[in-house]
Amino acid sequence: MFIAPEARGRGFARRMLVEALRFGFEQLHLHRITLGVYDFNTAAISAYTRAGMQREGLFRDVLKYNDEYWSLLEMSMLQPEWQALHQNKVECLAL
């Protein structure tokens, strides 16, 4: 996801991810959704974690950019985790 610098810090990344997860789990009936994020992108990692993504592992030094190596954090969510996070919201809407 790309968020323009002037729009960062306003919760857009988390909201976009939640909608992508909703589409994947509720419309496409996927079991697992994954993403990769560079380990220095702490703002994105925080947004993804707040959306319910779980850290799975770190791929060390996967990219060399200029004279620096970047590592990639792999994150995922399973359909039962999505359902558990959003079950109360569905129950509230049904009332």
N, C-alpha and C. Protein backbone atom coordinates (compact mmCIF):
# COMPACT_ATOMS: atom_id res chain seq x y z
N MET A 1 0.84 -1.18 0.00
CA MET A 1 0.00 0.00 0.00
C MET A 1 0.89 1.24 0.00
N PHE A 2 0.45 2.23 -0.67
CA PHE A 2 1.17 3.50 -0.65
C PHE A 2 0.24 4.56 -0.08
N ILE A 3 0.73 5.24 0.93
CA ILE A 3 -0.01 6.36 1.52
C ILE A 3 0.84 7.60 1.30
N ALA A 4 0.24 8.62 0.68
CA ALA A 4 0.96 9.87 0.43
C ALA A 4 1.46 10.45 1.75
N PRO A 5 2.64 11.05 1.75
CA PRO A 5 3.22 11.56 3.01
C PRO A 5 2.27 12.47 3.80
N GLU A 6 1.51 13.30 3.13
CA GLU A 6 0.63 14.22 3.85
C GLU A 6 -0.58 13.52 4.47
N ALA A 7 -0.84 12.26 4.09
CA ALA A 7 -1.98 11.52 4.63
C ALA A 7 -1.56 10.48 5.66
N ARG A 8 -0.28 10.37 5.91
CA ARG A 8 0.21 9.34 6.84
C ARG A 8 -0.18 9.67 8.28
N GLY A 9 -0.33 8.62 9.09
CA GLY A 9 -0.64 8.79 10.49
C GLY A 9 -2.12 9.03 10.77
N ARG A 10 -2.96 8.82 9.77
CA ARG A 10 -4.39 9.07 9.94
C ARG A 10 -5.23 7.78 9.87
N GLY A 11 -4.56 6.63 9.91
CA GLY A 11 -5.28 5.36 9.95
C GLY A 11 -5.71 4.80 8.61
N PHE A 12 -5.29 5.42 7.51
CA PHE A 12 -5.73 4.95 6.19
C PHE A 12 -5.18 3.57 5.85
N ALA A 13 -3.91 3.29 6.19
CA ALA A 13 -3.31 1.99 5.86
C ALA A 13 -4.07 0.86 6.55
N ARG A 14 -4.37 1.04 7.82
CA ARG A 14 -5.11 0.00 8.55
C ARG A 14 -6.49 -0.20 7.94
N ARG A 15 -7.17 0.90 7.64
CA ARG A 15 -8.52 0.78 7.07
C ARG A 15 -8.50 0.11 5.70
N MET A 16 -7.50 0.45 4.87
CA MET A 16 -7.40 -0.18 3.55
C MET A 16 -7.11 -1.67 3.70
N LEU A 17 -6.23 -2.03 4.64
CA LEU A 17 -5.92 -3.43 4.85
C LEU A 17 -7.14 -4.19 5.35
N VAL A 18 -7.87 -3.62 6.28
CA VAL A 18 -9.08 -4.28 6.79
C VAL A 18 -10.06 -4.55 5.66
N GLU A 19 -10.23 -3.61 4.76
CA GLU A 19 -11.15 -3.81 3.63
C GLU A 19 -10.63 -4.87 2.67
N ALA A 20 -9.32 -4.90 2.45
CA ALA A 20 -8.73 -5.95 1.60
C ALA A 20 -8.92 -7.31 2.25
N LEU A 21 -8.69 -7.40 3.56
CA LEU A 21 -8.91 -8.64 4.28
C LEU A 21 -10.38 -9.06 4.24
N ARG A 22 -11.27 -8.10 4.44
CA ARG A 22 -12.71 -8.39 4.38
C ARG A 22 -13.08 -8.99 3.01
N PHE A 23 -12.59 -8.38 1.95
CA PHE A 23 -12.88 -8.87 0.61
C PHE A 23 -12.32 -10.27 0.42
N GLY A 24 -11.07 -10.47 0.84
CA GLY A 24 -10.44 -11.77 0.67
C GLY A 24 -11.14 -12.87 1.43
N PHE A 25 -11.49 -12.62 2.67
CA PHE A 25 -12.11 -13.66 3.49
C PHE A 25 -13.60 -13.81 3.23
N GLU A 26 -14.32 -12.71 3.05
CA GLU A 26 -15.78 -12.78 2.95
C GLU A 26 -16.30 -12.93 1.53
N GLN A 27 -15.58 -12.40 0.55
CA GLN A 27 -16.03 -12.51 -0.83
C GLN A 27 -15.33 -13.63 -1.60
N LEU A 28 -14.01 -13.72 -1.43
CA LEU A 28 -13.24 -14.74 -2.15
C LEU A 28 -13.12 -16.04 -1.37
N HIS A 29 -13.51 -16.02 -0.10
CA HIS A 29 -13.47 -17.20 0.77
C HIS A 29 -12.07 -17.80 0.87
N LEU A 30 -11.07 -16.91 0.99
CA LEU A 30 -9.70 -17.36 1.17
C LEU A 30 -9.50 -17.89 2.59
N HIS A 31 -8.54 -18.76 2.75
CA HIS A 31 -8.21 -19.29 4.07
C HIS A 31 -7.07 -18.51 4.71
N ARG A 32 -6.15 -17.99 3.87
CA ARG A 32 -4.94 -17.36 4.37
C ARG A 32 -4.59 -16.17 3.48
N ILE A 33 -4.21 -15.06 4.11
CA ILE A 33 -3.74 -13.88 3.38
C ILE A 33 -2.41 -13.47 4.00
N THR A 34 -1.42 -13.22 3.15
CA THR A 34 -0.09 -12.84 3.63
C THR A 34 0.34 -11.53 3.01
N LEU A 35 1.31 -10.92 3.65
CA LEU A 35 1.95 -9.73 3.09
C LEU A 35 3.39 -9.68 3.58
N GLY A 36 4.19 -8.95 2.85
CA GLY A 36 5.58 -8.72 3.25
C GLY A 36 5.80 -7.23 3.41
N VAL A 37 6.57 -6.86 4.42
CA VAL A 37 6.85 -5.46 4.70
C VAL A 37 8.30 -5.35 5.16
N TYR A 38 9.01 -4.34 4.70
CA TYR A 38 10.39 -4.18 5.13
C TYR A 38 10.43 -3.89 6.62
N ASP A 39 11.37 -4.51 7.30
CA ASP A 39 11.39 -4.49 8.76
C ASP A 39 11.62 -3.11 9.37
N PHE A 40 12.11 -2.16 8.60
CA PHE A 40 12.31 -0.81 9.14
C PHE A 40 11.05 0.05 9.03
N ASN A 41 10.01 -0.46 8.35
CA ASN A 41 8.77 0.30 8.16
C ASN A 41 7.86 0.07 9.37
N THR A 42 8.25 0.65 10.49
CA THR A 42 7.54 0.40 11.75
C THR A 42 6.11 0.92 11.75
N ALA A 43 5.85 2.01 11.03
CA ALA A 43 4.49 2.53 10.97
C ALA A 43 3.56 1.53 10.28
N ALA A 44 4.01 0.95 9.18
CA ALA A 44 3.20 -0.03 8.45
C ALA A 44 3.03 -1.29 9.30
N ILE A 45 4.09 -1.75 9.93
CA ILE A 45 4.00 -2.95 10.77
C ILE A 45 2.99 -2.73 11.89
N SER A 46 3.00 -1.56 12.48
CA SER A 46 2.05 -1.24 13.53
C SER A 46 0.62 -1.24 13.00
N ALA A 47 0.40 -0.67 11.83
CA ALA A 47 -0.94 -0.65 11.23
C ALA A 47 -1.42 -2.06 10.92
N TYR A 48 -0.53 -2.89 10.37
CA TYR A 48 -0.91 -4.25 10.02
C TYR A 48 -1.20 -5.07 11.27
N THR A 49 -0.41 -4.86 12.32
CA THR A 49 -0.64 -5.56 13.58
C THR A 49 -1.97 -5.15 14.19
N ARG A 50 -2.29 -3.85 14.16
CA ARG A 50 -3.58 -3.39 14.69
C ARG A 50 -4.75 -3.96 13.90
N ALA A 51 -4.52 -4.25 12.62
CA ALA A 51 -5.58 -4.84 11.79
C ALA A 51 -5.73 -6.34 12.07
N GLY A 52 -4.80 -6.92 12.82
CA GLY A 52 -4.91 -8.33 13.19
C GLY A 52 -3.92 -9.25 12.53
N MET A 53 -3.03 -8.73 11.70
CA MET A 53 -2.02 -9.57 11.06
C MET A 53 -1.03 -10.07 12.10
N GLN A 54 -0.53 -11.29 11.89
CA GLN A 54 0.43 -11.93 12.79
C GLN A 54 1.81 -11.97 12.13
N ARG A 55 2.83 -11.71 12.91
CA ARG A 55 4.21 -11.84 12.40
C ARG A 55 4.54 -13.31 12.26
N GLU A 56 5.13 -13.67 11.12
CA GLU A 56 5.49 -15.07 10.89
C GLU A 56 6.99 -15.28 10.87
N GLY A 57 7.70 -14.40 10.25
CA GLY A 57 9.14 -14.63 10.15
C GLY A 57 9.82 -13.48 9.43
N LEU A 58 11.13 -13.51 9.49
CA LEU A 58 11.94 -12.45 8.90
C LEU A 58 12.85 -13.06 7.85
N PHE A 59 12.76 -12.55 6.63
CA PHE A 59 13.67 -12.92 5.56
C PHE A 59 14.79 -11.89 5.57
N ARG A 60 15.94 -12.31 6.04
CA ARG A 60 17.04 -11.38 6.24
C ARG A 60 17.73 -11.03 4.92
N ASP A 61 18.05 -9.74 4.78
CA ASP A 61 18.85 -9.23 3.66
C ASP A 61 18.34 -9.71 2.30
N VAL A 62 17.06 -9.51 2.04
CA VAL A 62 16.48 -9.96 0.77
C VAL A 62 16.70 -8.99 -0.38
N LEU A 63 17.03 -7.75 -0.06
CA LEU A 63 17.21 -6.73 -1.10
C LEU A 63 18.39 -5.85 -0.75
N LYS A 64 19.20 -5.59 -1.76
CA LYS A 64 20.28 -4.63 -1.57
C LYS A 64 19.89 -3.34 -2.26
N TYR A 65 19.78 -2.28 -1.49
CA TYR A 65 19.41 -0.97 -2.01
C TYR A 65 20.57 -0.03 -1.71
N ASN A 66 21.16 0.53 -2.75
CA ASN A 66 22.41 1.28 -2.64
C ASN A 66 23.44 0.37 -1.94
N ASP A 67 23.97 0.75 -0.83
CA ASP A 67 24.94 -0.09 -0.13
C ASP A 67 24.37 -0.70 1.14
N GLU A 68 23.06 -0.85 1.18
CA GLU A 68 22.40 -1.33 2.38
C GLU A 68 21.51 -2.52 2.05
N TYR A 69 21.47 -3.50 2.93
CA TYR A 69 20.58 -4.65 2.77
C TYR A 69 19.31 -4.42 3.57
N TRP A 70 18.18 -4.80 2.97
CA TRP A 70 16.89 -4.68 3.62
C TRP A 70 16.35 -6.06 3.91
N SER A 71 15.70 -6.21 5.07
CA SER A 71 15.07 -7.47 5.46
C SER A 71 13.55 -7.33 5.38
N LEU A 72 12.90 -8.44 5.08
CA LEU A 72 11.45 -8.45 4.86
C LEU A 72 10.76 -9.24 5.95
N LEU A 73 9.79 -8.61 6.61
CA LEU A 73 8.97 -9.27 7.62
C LEU A 73 7.73 -9.84 6.93
N GLU A 74 7.49 -11.12 7.11
CA GLU A 74 6.32 -11.78 6.56
C GLU A 74 5.23 -11.78 7.62
N MET A 75 4.01 -11.38 7.23
CA MET A 75 2.87 -11.33 8.15
C MET A 75 1.70 -12.04 7.48
N SER A 76 0.78 -12.58 8.30
CA SER A 76 -0.37 -13.26 7.73
C SER A 76 -1.57 -13.19 8.66
N MET A 77 -2.71 -13.57 8.10
CA MET A 77 -3.93 -13.76 8.87
C MET A 77 -4.65 -14.96 8.26
N LEU A 78 -5.24 -15.77 9.14
CA LEU A 78 -6.05 -16.91 8.72
C LEU A 78 -7.53 -16.55 8.85
N GLN A 79 -8.35 -17.22 8.07
CA GLN A 79 -9.78 -16.93 8.07
C GLN A 79 -10.39 -17.09 9.47
N PRO A 80 -10.04 -18.12 10.25
CA PRO A 80 -10.61 -18.20 11.61
C PRO A 80 -10.21 -17.02 12.50
N GLU A 81 -9.02 -16.48 12.29
CA GLU A 81 -8.60 -15.31 13.07
C GLU A 81 -9.43 -14.09 12.67
N TRP A 82 -9.68 -13.93 11.36
CA TRP A 82 -10.52 -12.85 10.88
C TRP A 82 -11.92 -12.98 11.49
N GLN A 83 -12.46 -14.17 11.43
CA GLN A 83 -13.81 -14.41 11.94
C GLN A 83 -13.89 -14.09 13.43
N ALA A 84 -12.89 -14.50 14.20
CA ALA A 84 -12.89 -14.24 15.64
C ALA A 84 -12.81 -12.75 15.93
N LEU A 85 -12.04 -12.01 15.14
CA LEU A 85 -11.91 -10.57 15.35
C LEU A 85 -13.20 -9.82 15.01
N HIS A 86 -13.96 -10.32 14.05
CA HIS A 86 -15.10 -9.57 13.53
C HIS A 86 -16.44 -10.19 13.87
N GLN A 87 -16.45 -11.26 14.60
CA GLN A 87 -17.70 -11.93 14.97
C GLN A 87 -18.58 -11.00 15.82
N ASN A 88 -18.00 -10.31 16.78
CA ASN A 88 -18.79 -9.41 17.63
C ASN A 88 -19.39 -8.27 16.83
N LYS A 89 -18.67 -7.78 15.83
CA LYS A 89 -19.19 -6.69 14.99
C LYS A 89 -20.41 -7.17 14.21
N VAL A 90 -20.36 -8.39 13.69
CA VAL A 90 -21.49 -8.95 12.96
C VAL A 90 -22.66 -9.16 13.89
N GLU A 91 -22.40 -9.66 15.11
CA GLU A 91 -23.47 -9.88 16.07
C GLU A 91 -24.12 -8.57 16.47
N CYS A 92 -23.34 -7.50 16.62
CA CYS A 92 -23.88 -6.19 16.97
C CYS A 92 -24.77 -5.65 15.86
N LEU A 93 -24.38 -5.87 14.61
CA LEU A 93 -25.18 -5.39 13.49
C LEU A 93 -26.50 -6.14 13.39
N ALA A 94 -26.51 -7.39 13.84
CA ALA A 94 -27.72 -8.22 13.75
C ALA A 94 -28.75 -7.82 14.81
N LEU A 95 -28.33 -7.17 15.87
CA LEU A 95 -29.26 -6.81 16.94
C LEU A 95 -30.22 -5.73 16.56
